C-alpha atoms as a PDB file:
ATOM      1  CA  UNK A   1      25.500   1.508   1.391  1.00  0.00           C
ATOM      2  CA  UNK A   2      27.820   0.762  -1.681  1.00  0.00           C
ATOM      3  CA  UNK A   3      28.492   3.543  -4.276  1.00  0.00           C
ATOM      4  CA  UNK A   4      26.720   4.048  -7.562  1.00  0.00           C
ATOM      5  CA  UNK A   5      29.745   5.193  -9.408  1.00  0.00           C
ATOM      6  CA  UNK A   6      27.142   6.016 -12.514  1.00  0.00           C
ATOM      7  CA  UNK A   7      25.091   7.691 -10.787  1.00  0.00           C
ATOM      8  CA  UNK A   8      25.963  11.324  -9.468  1.00  0.00           C
ATOM      9  CA  UNK A   9      22.837  12.012  -7.829  1.00  0.00           C
ATOM     10  CA  UNK A  10      22.569   8.867  -6.110  1.00  0.00           C
ATOM     11  CA  UNK A  11      23.582  10.744  -2.369  1.00  0.00           C
ATOM     12  CA  UNK A  12      20.255  12.245  -2.728  1.00  0.00           C
ATOM     13  CA  UNK A  13      18.552   8.353  -1.162  1.00  0.00           C
ATOM     14  CA  UNK A  14      15.234  10.822  -0.500  1.00  0.00           C
ATOM     15  CA  UNK A  15      13.905  10.655  -3.876  1.00  0.00           C
ATOM     16  CA  UNK A  16      14.358   7.322  -4.292  1.00  0.00           C
ATOM     17  CA  UNK A  17      11.030   5.593  -2.278  1.00  0.00           C
ATOM     18  CA  UNK A  18       8.306   6.633   0.034  1.00  0.00           C
ATOM     19  CA  UNK A  19       8.865   4.445   3.512  1.00  0.00           C
ATOM     20  CA  UNK A  20       5.427   4.778   5.998  1.00  0.00           C
ATOM     21  CA  UNK A  21       4.877   2.593   8.740  1.00  0.00           C
ATOM     22  CA  UNK A  22       3.424  -0.062   6.797  1.00  0.00           C
ATOM     23  CA  UNK A  23       4.937   0.152   3.510  1.00  0.00           C
ATOM     24  CA  UNK A  24       7.761   1.046   1.140  1.00  0.00           C
ATOM     25  CA  UNK A  25       6.583   2.514  -2.255  1.00  0.00           C
ATOM     26  CA  UNK A  26       9.949   2.801  -4.547  1.00  0.00           C
ATOM     27  CA  UNK A  27       9.413   6.057  -6.302  1.00  0.00           C
ATOM     28  CA  UNK A  28       9.060   6.249 -10.256  1.00  0.00           C
ATOM     29  CA  UNK A  29      11.547   8.946 -10.730  1.00  0.00           C
ATOM     30  CA  UNK A  30      11.361  12.327 -13.232  1.00  0.00           C
ATOM     31  CA  UNK A  31      14.285  11.939 -14.900  1.00  0.00           C
ATOM     32  CA  UNK A  32      15.310   8.458 -16.415  1.00  0.00           C
ATOM     33  CA  UNK A  33      18.950   8.507 -15.624  1.00  0.00           C
ATOM     34  CA  UNK A  34      17.816   8.058 -11.981  1.00  0.00           C
ATOM     35  CA  UNK A  35      16.029   5.120 -12.396  1.00  0.00           C
ATOM     36  CA  UNK A  36      18.534   2.634 -11.480  1.00  0.00           C
ATOM     37  CA  UNK A  37      18.959   4.420  -7.744  1.00  0.00           C
ATOM     38  CA  UNK A  38      15.337   3.153  -7.664  1.00  0.00           C
ATOM     39  CA  UNK A  39      16.552  -0.019  -7.254  1.00  0.00           C
ATOM     40  CA  UNK A  40      19.535  -0.008  -5.431  1.00  0.00           C
ATOM     41  CA  UNK A  41      17.442   1.579  -2.644  1.00  0.00           C
ATOM     42  CA  UNK A  42      14.875  -0.486  -2.881  1.00  0.00           C
ATOM     43  CA  UNK A  43      16.751  -3.997  -2.133  1.00  0.00           C
ATOM     44  CA  UNK A  44      18.407  -2.777   0.748  1.00  0.00           C
ATOM     45  CA  UNK A  45      15.109  -1.720   2.555  1.00  0.00           C
ATOM     46  CA  UNK A  46      12.954  -4.166   1.814  1.00  0.00           C
ATOM     47  CA  UNK A  47      14.181  -6.204   4.673  1.00  0.00           C
ATOM     48  CA  UNK A  48      12.016  -3.710   6.871  1.00  0.00           C
ATOM     49  CA  UNK A  49       8.465  -2.938   5.079  1.00  0.00           C
ATOM     50  CA  UNK A  50       6.379  -4.811   2.395  1.00  0.00           C
ATOM     51  CA  UNK A  51       6.658  -3.377  -1.495  1.00  0.00           C
ATOM     52  CA  UNK A  52       4.529  -1.720  -3.073  1.00  0.00           C
ATOM     53  CA  UNK A  53       5.395  -0.721  -6.812  1.00  0.00           C
ATOM     54  CA  UNK A  54       3.165   2.740  -8.002  1.00  0.00           C
ATOM     55  CA  UNK A  55       1.759   2.201 -11.626  1.00  0.00           C
ATOM     56  CA  UNK A  56       3.726   2.943 -14.428  1.00  0.00           C
ATOM     57  CA  UNK A  57       2.047   5.620 -15.396  1.00  0.00           C
ATOM     58  CA  UNK A  58       3.318   8.934 -14.271  1.00  0.00           C
ATOM     59  CA  UNK A  59       6.031   9.911 -11.842  1.00  0.00           C
ATOM     60  CA  UNK A  60       6.596  10.656  -8.196  1.00  0.00           C
ATOM     61  CA  UNK A  61      10.008  11.069  -6.263  1.00  0.00           C
ATOM     62  CA  UNK A  62      10.471  10.966  -2.930  1.00  0.00           C
ATOM     63  CA  UNK A  63      11.323  14.725  -2.432  1.00  0.00           C
ATOM     64  CA  UNK A  64       7.755  16.039  -3.132  1.00  0.00           C
ATOM     65  CA  UNK A  65       6.155  13.858  -0.513  1.00  0.00           C
ATOM     66  CA  UNK A  66       5.488  14.992   3.055  1.00  0.00           C
ATOM     67  CA  UNK A  67       4.314  12.936   5.721  1.00  0.00           C
ATOM     68  CA  UNK A  68       1.951  14.785   8.589  1.00  0.00           C
ATOM     69  CA  UNK A  69       0.749  11.623  10.711  1.00  0.00           C
ATOM     70  CA  UNK A  70      -2.155   9.903   8.843  1.00  0.00           C
ATOM     71  CA  UNK A  71      -2.284  13.324   5.679  1.00  0.00           C
ATOM     72  CA  UNK A  72       0.415  12.966   3.143  1.00  0.00           C
ATOM     73  CA  UNK A  73       1.010  15.778   0.592  1.00  0.00           C
ATOM     74  CA  UNK A  74       2.514  15.466  -2.416  1.00  0.00           C
ATOM     75  CA  UNK A  75       4.086  18.291  -4.699  1.00  0.00           C
ATOM     76  CA  UNK A  76       3.348  18.443  -8.022  1.00  0.00           C
ATOM     77  CA  UNK A  77       6.262  19.559  -9.299  1.00  0.00           C
ATOM     78  CA  UNK A  78       8.701  19.554 -11.975  1.00  0.00           C
ATOM     79  CA  UNK A  79       9.502  15.705 -11.227  1.00  0.00           C
ATOM     80  CA  UNK A  80       6.345  14.378  -9.733  1.00  0.00           C
ATOM     81  CA  UNK A  81       2.823  15.031 -11.604  1.00  0.00           C
ATOM     82  CA  UNK A  82      -0.922  13.920 -10.475  1.00  0.00           C
ATOM     83  CA  UNK A  83      -0.397  10.423 -11.878  1.00  0.00           C
ATOM     84  CA  UNK A  84       1.943   9.876  -9.824  1.00  0.00           C
ATOM     85  CA  UNK A  85       0.402  11.190  -6.859  1.00  0.00           C
ATOM     86  CA  UNK A  86      -3.322   9.343  -8.080  1.00  0.00           C
ATOM     87  CA  UNK A  87      -0.937   5.944  -7.807  1.00  0.00           C
ATOM     88  CA  UNK A  88       0.587   6.278  -4.207  1.00  0.00           C
ATOM     89  CA  UNK A  89      -3.497   7.631  -3.078  1.00  0.00           C
ATOM     90  CA  UNK A  90      -4.489   3.701  -4.541  1.00  0.00           C
ATOM     91  CA  UNK A  91      -1.480   2.416  -2.271  1.00  0.00           C
ATOM     92  CA  UNK A  92      -2.399   4.083   0.691  1.00  0.00           C
ATOM     93  CA  UNK A  93      -6.265   4.394   0.989  1.00  0.00           C
ATOM     94  CA  UNK A  94      -6.078   1.181   2.441  1.00  0.00           C
ATOM     95  CA  UNK A  95      -3.956   1.610   5.325  1.00  0.00           C
ATOM     96  CA  UNK A  96      -5.862   5.146   6.576  1.00  0.00           C
ATOM     97  CA  UNK A  97      -3.947   8.106   4.811  1.00  0.00           C
ATOM     98  CA  UNK A  98      -5.261  11.013   2.795  1.00  0.00           C
ATOM     99  CA  UNK A  99      -3.086  12.259   0.088  1.00  0.00           C
ATOM    100  CA  UNK A 100      -3.385  15.665  -0.504  1.00  0.00           C
ATOM    101  CA  UNK A 101      -1.631  17.349  -3.751  1.00  0.00           C
ATOM    102  CA  UNK A 102       0.365  20.395  -3.511  1.00  0.00           C
ATOM    103  CA  UNK A 103       1.032  22.488  -6.486  1.00  0.00           C
ATOM    104  CA  UNK A 104       4.799  23.990  -6.368  1.00  0.00           C
ATOM    105  CA  UNK A 105       5.961  26.734  -8.196  1.00  0.00           C
ATOM    106  CA  UNK A 106       9.673  27.840  -8.813  1.00  0.00           C
ATOM    107  CA  UNK A 107      11.348  24.977  -6.976  1.00  0.00           C
ATOM    108  CA  UNK A 108      12.293  21.102  -7.897  1.00  0.00           C
ATOM    109  CA  UNK A 109      10.426  19.657  -5.298  1.00  0.00           C
ATOM    110  CA  UNK A 110       7.995  19.879  -1.924  1.00  0.00           C
ATOM    111  CA  UNK A 111      10.600  19.551   0.488  1.00  0.00           C
ATOM    112  CA  UNK A 112      12.336  22.268  -1.184  1.00  0.00           C
ATOM    113  CA  UNK A 113       9.866  24.814   0.268  1.00  0.00           C
ATOM    114  CA  UNK A 114       7.971  22.842   2.760  1.00  0.00           C
ATOM    115  CA  UNK A 115       8.658  21.312   5.843  1.00  0.00           C
ATOM    116  CA  UNK A 116       6.765  19.458   8.265  1.00  0.00           C
ATOM    117  CA  UNK A 117       7.765  20.202  11.692  1.00  0.00           C
ATOM    118  CA  UNK A 118       5.143  18.238  14.179  1.00  0.00           C
ATOM    119  CA  UNK A 119       2.587  19.907  16.558  1.00  0.00           C
ATOM    120  CA  UNK A 120       0.234  20.281  13.128  1.00  0.00           C
ATOM    121  CA  UNK A 121       2.747  23.258  11.855  1.00  0.00           C
ATOM    122  CA  UNK A 122       4.541  23.569   8.627  1.00  0.00           C
ATOM    123  CA  UNK A 123       7.287  25.415   7.994  1.00  0.00           C
ATOM    124  CA  UNK A 124       7.177  27.423   4.626  1.00  0.00           C
ATOM    125  CA  UNK A 125       7.941  29.178   1.463  1.00  0.00           C
ATOM    126  CA  UNK A 126       4.379  30.579   0.412  1.00  0.00           C
ATOM    127  CA  UNK A 127       5.591  32.333  -2.610  1.00  0.00           C
ATOM    128  CA  UNK A 128       6.504  28.316  -3.941  1.00  0.00           C
ATOM    129  CA  UNK A 129       3.819  26.471  -2.724  1.00  0.00           C
ATOM    130  CA  UNK A 130      -0.049  26.930  -3.296  1.00  0.00           C
ATOM    131  CA  UNK A 131      -1.280  27.348   0.131  1.00  0.00           C
ATOM    132  CA  UNK A 132      -5.063  26.107  -0.637  1.00  0.00           C
ATOM    133  CA  UNK A 133      -4.192  22.505  -0.036  1.00  0.00           C
ATOM    134  CA  UNK A 134      -2.917  23.297   3.861  1.00  0.00           C
ATOM    135  CA  UNK A 135      -5.734  24.478   5.163  1.00  0.00           C
ATOM    136  CA  UNK A 136      -6.082  23.371   9.116  1.00  0.00           C
ATOM    137  CA  UNK A 137      -2.073  23.767   9.567  1.00  0.00           C
ATOM    138  CA  UNK A 138      -0.659  26.458  11.229  1.00  0.00           C
ATOM    139  CA  UNK A 139       1.814  28.072   8.920  1.00  0.00           C
ATOM    140  CA  UNK A 140       5.555  29.401   9.989  1.00  0.00           C
ATOM    141  CA  UNK A 141       6.880  31.538   7.190  1.00  0.00           C
ATOM    142  CA  UNK A 142      10.256  31.133   6.305  1.00  0.00           C
ATOM    143  CA  UNK A 143      12.373  34.532   6.990  1.00  0.00           C
ATOM    144  CA  UNK A 144      12.134  36.507   3.814  1.00  0.00           C
ATOM    145  CA  UNK A 145      15.923  36.859   3.175  1.00  0.00           C
ATOM    146  CA  UNK A 146      16.015  33.257   3.593  1.00  0.00           C
ATOM    147  CA  UNK A 147      13.642  31.269   0.631  1.00  0.00           C
ATOM    148  CA  UNK A 148      15.348  28.313   1.105  1.00  0.00           C
ATOM    149  CA  UNK A 149      15.447  27.877   4.484  1.00  0.00           C
ATOM    150  CA  UNK A 150      12.007  25.780   4.809  1.00  0.00           C
ATOM    151  CA  UNK A 151      14.313  22.714   4.062  1.00  0.00           C
ATOM    152  CA  UNK A 152      14.442  21.723   7.798  1.00  0.00           C
ATOM    153  CA  UNK A 153      15.059  17.786   9.281  1.00  0.00           C
ATOM    154  CA  UNK A 154      12.722  17.374  11.999  1.00  0.00           C
ATOM    155  CA  UNK A 155      13.082  14.751  14.551  1.00  0.00           C
ATOM    156  CA  UNK A 156      11.386  15.164  17.428  1.00  0.00           C
ATOM    157  CA  UNK A 157      11.947  17.734  19.398  1.00  0.00           C
ATOM    158  CA  UNK A 158      15.380  18.716  17.094  1.00  0.00           C
ATOM    159  CA  UNK A 159      15.587  20.562  13.824  1.00  0.00           C
ATOM    160  CA  UNK A 160      18.475  20.052  11.455  1.00  0.00           C
ATOM    161  CA  UNK A 161      19.025  23.402   9.887  1.00  0.00           C
ATOM    162  CA  UNK A 162      21.473  24.529   7.385  1.00  0.00           C
ATOM    163  CA  UNK A 163      24.470  26.928   8.472  1.00  0.00           C
ATOM    164  CA  UNK A 164      23.569  29.501   6.206  1.00  0.00           C
ATOM    165  CA  UNK A 165      20.041  30.054   7.770  1.00  0.00           C
ATOM    166  CA  UNK A 166      20.894  31.685  10.779  1.00  0.00           C
ATOM    167  CA  UNK A 167      17.084  33.593  10.792  1.00  0.00           C
ATOM    168  CA  UNK A 168      15.366  30.390  10.428  1.00  0.00           C
ATOM    169  CA  UNK A 169      17.255  28.555  12.687  1.00  0.00           C
ATOM    170  CA  UNK A 170      16.345  31.446  15.517  1.00  0.00           C
ATOM    171  CA  UNK A 171      12.891  31.364  14.480  1.00  0.00           C
ATOM    172  CA  UNK A 172      12.665  27.451  14.867  1.00  0.00           C
ATOM    173  CA  UNK A 173      14.554  27.795  18.699  1.00  0.00           C
ATOM    174  CA  UNK A 174      11.586  30.590  19.654  1.00  0.00           C
ATOM    175  CA  UNK A 175       8.983  27.774  18.923  1.00  0.00           C
ATOM    176  CA  UNK A 176      11.183  25.611  21.018  1.00  0.00           C
ATOM    177  CA  UNK A 177      12.859  23.152  19.273  1.00  0.00           C
ATOM    178  CA  UNK A 178      16.168  22.276  19.818  1.00  0.00           C
ATOM    179  CA  UNK A 179      18.500  23.377  16.481  1.00  0.00           C
ATOM    180  CA  UNK A 180      21.800  21.532  14.848  1.00  0.00           C
ATOM    181  CA  UNK A 181      23.024  23.612  12.741  1.00  0.00           C
ATOM    182  CA  UNK A 182      25.309  22.051   9.674  1.00  0.00           C
ATOM    183  CA  UNK A 183      26.993  23.078   6.506  1.00  0.00           C
ATOM    184  CA  UNK A 184      25.471  21.735   3.591  1.00  0.00           C
ATOM    185  CA  UNK A 185      26.984  23.817   1.125  1.00  0.00           C
ATOM    186  CA  UNK A 186      28.032  21.839  -1.374  1.00  0.00           C
ATOM    187  CA  UNK A 187      24.511  19.928  -1.513  1.00  0.00           C
ATOM    188  CA  UNK A 188      23.010  23.462  -2.389  1.00  0.00           C
ATOM    189  CA  UNK A 189      24.675  23.676  -5.184  1.00  0.00           C
ATOM    190  CA  UNK A 190      22.590  21.296  -6.513  1.00  0.00           C
ATOM    191  CA  UNK A 191      19.156  23.165  -5.216  1.00  0.00           C
ATOM    192  CA  UNK A 192      19.499  20.055  -1.775  1.00  0.00           C
ATOM    193  CA  UNK A 193      19.070  20.208   1.267  1.00  0.00           C
ATOM    194  CA  UNK A 194      19.300  18.421   4.733  1.00  0.00           C
ATOM    195  CA  UNK A 195      16.380  15.879   4.300  1.00  0.00           C
ATOM    196  CA  UNK A 196      17.542  14.887   1.017  1.00  0.00           C
ATOM    197  CA  UNK A 197      20.152  12.748   2.035  1.00  0.00           C
ATOM    198  CA  UNK A 198      18.253  10.439   4.631  1.00  0.00           C
ATOM    199  CA  UNK A 199      14.899   8.251   4.274  1.00  0.00           C
ATOM    200  CA  UNK A 200      13.663   8.607   7.980  1.00  0.00           C
ATOM    201  CA  UNK A 201      11.339   5.881   9.423  1.00  0.00           C
ATOM    202  CA  UNK A 202      11.074   3.473  12.697  1.00  0.00           C
ATOM    203  CA  UNK A 203      12.110  -0.060  12.336  1.00  0.00           C
ATOM    204  CA  UNK A 204      12.217  -3.062  14.669  1.00  0.00           C
ATOM    205  CA  UNK A 205      15.470  -2.933  16.277  1.00  0.00           C
ATOM    206  CA  UNK A 206      16.064  -6.573  15.690  1.00  0.00           C
ATOM    207  CA  UNK A 207      15.930  -5.927  11.859  1.00  0.00           C
ATOM    208  CA  UNK A 208      17.635  -3.070  11.841  1.00  0.00           C
ATOM    209  CA  UNK A 209      20.483  -4.623  13.799  1.00  0.00           C
ATOM    210  CA  UNK A 210      21.152  -7.394  11.278  1.00  0.00           C
ATOM    211  CA  UNK A 211      21.723  -4.751   8.353  1.00  0.00           C
ATOM    212  CA  UNK A 212      24.124  -2.023   9.856  1.00  0.00           C
ATOM    213  CA  UNK A 213      27.596  -3.796   9.619  1.00  0.00           C
END
């Protein structure tokens, strides 16, 4: 994508949209200076999904949204509020998704403290997330000496994990994941991690190939 020179946070594309199998929902950013990023990403991805907009009330950022199959966890955080979560619930209900709110404390976004690993498992720092909303899932606690280790990017059976979280890497290998270690120390200075710089979704091969240059 083209650089947005006046948007220093633009590299964190995850926050700008929620992309599911059926729809693309542009975010309503919790901080006004980032609003321009949403239009840039939505324009880039509109080729592959129907675009449905959130109501003007409230805020919702992609870093607070975790998909666990047909359950969508939405973190209530410094950047996402109840009105934003309710707007997403209204949009997704016709598609059979269940939106569940999760209170976040001591972290910028839900994904700072929680990741869905597949297999009905959540990697979690329970000190930062209210766990009552997560009943029915197997909880895998991050090692106590790596409190930010819950932000991992899982694609299939591969987990991408920051290089400075060796105990978390060991834990995931023990659970059967192939682990890729990645140095994201510069991103971590802005409380970012491995999920922040991507939006992961399935797209028809033909449509996607037209966009890749």
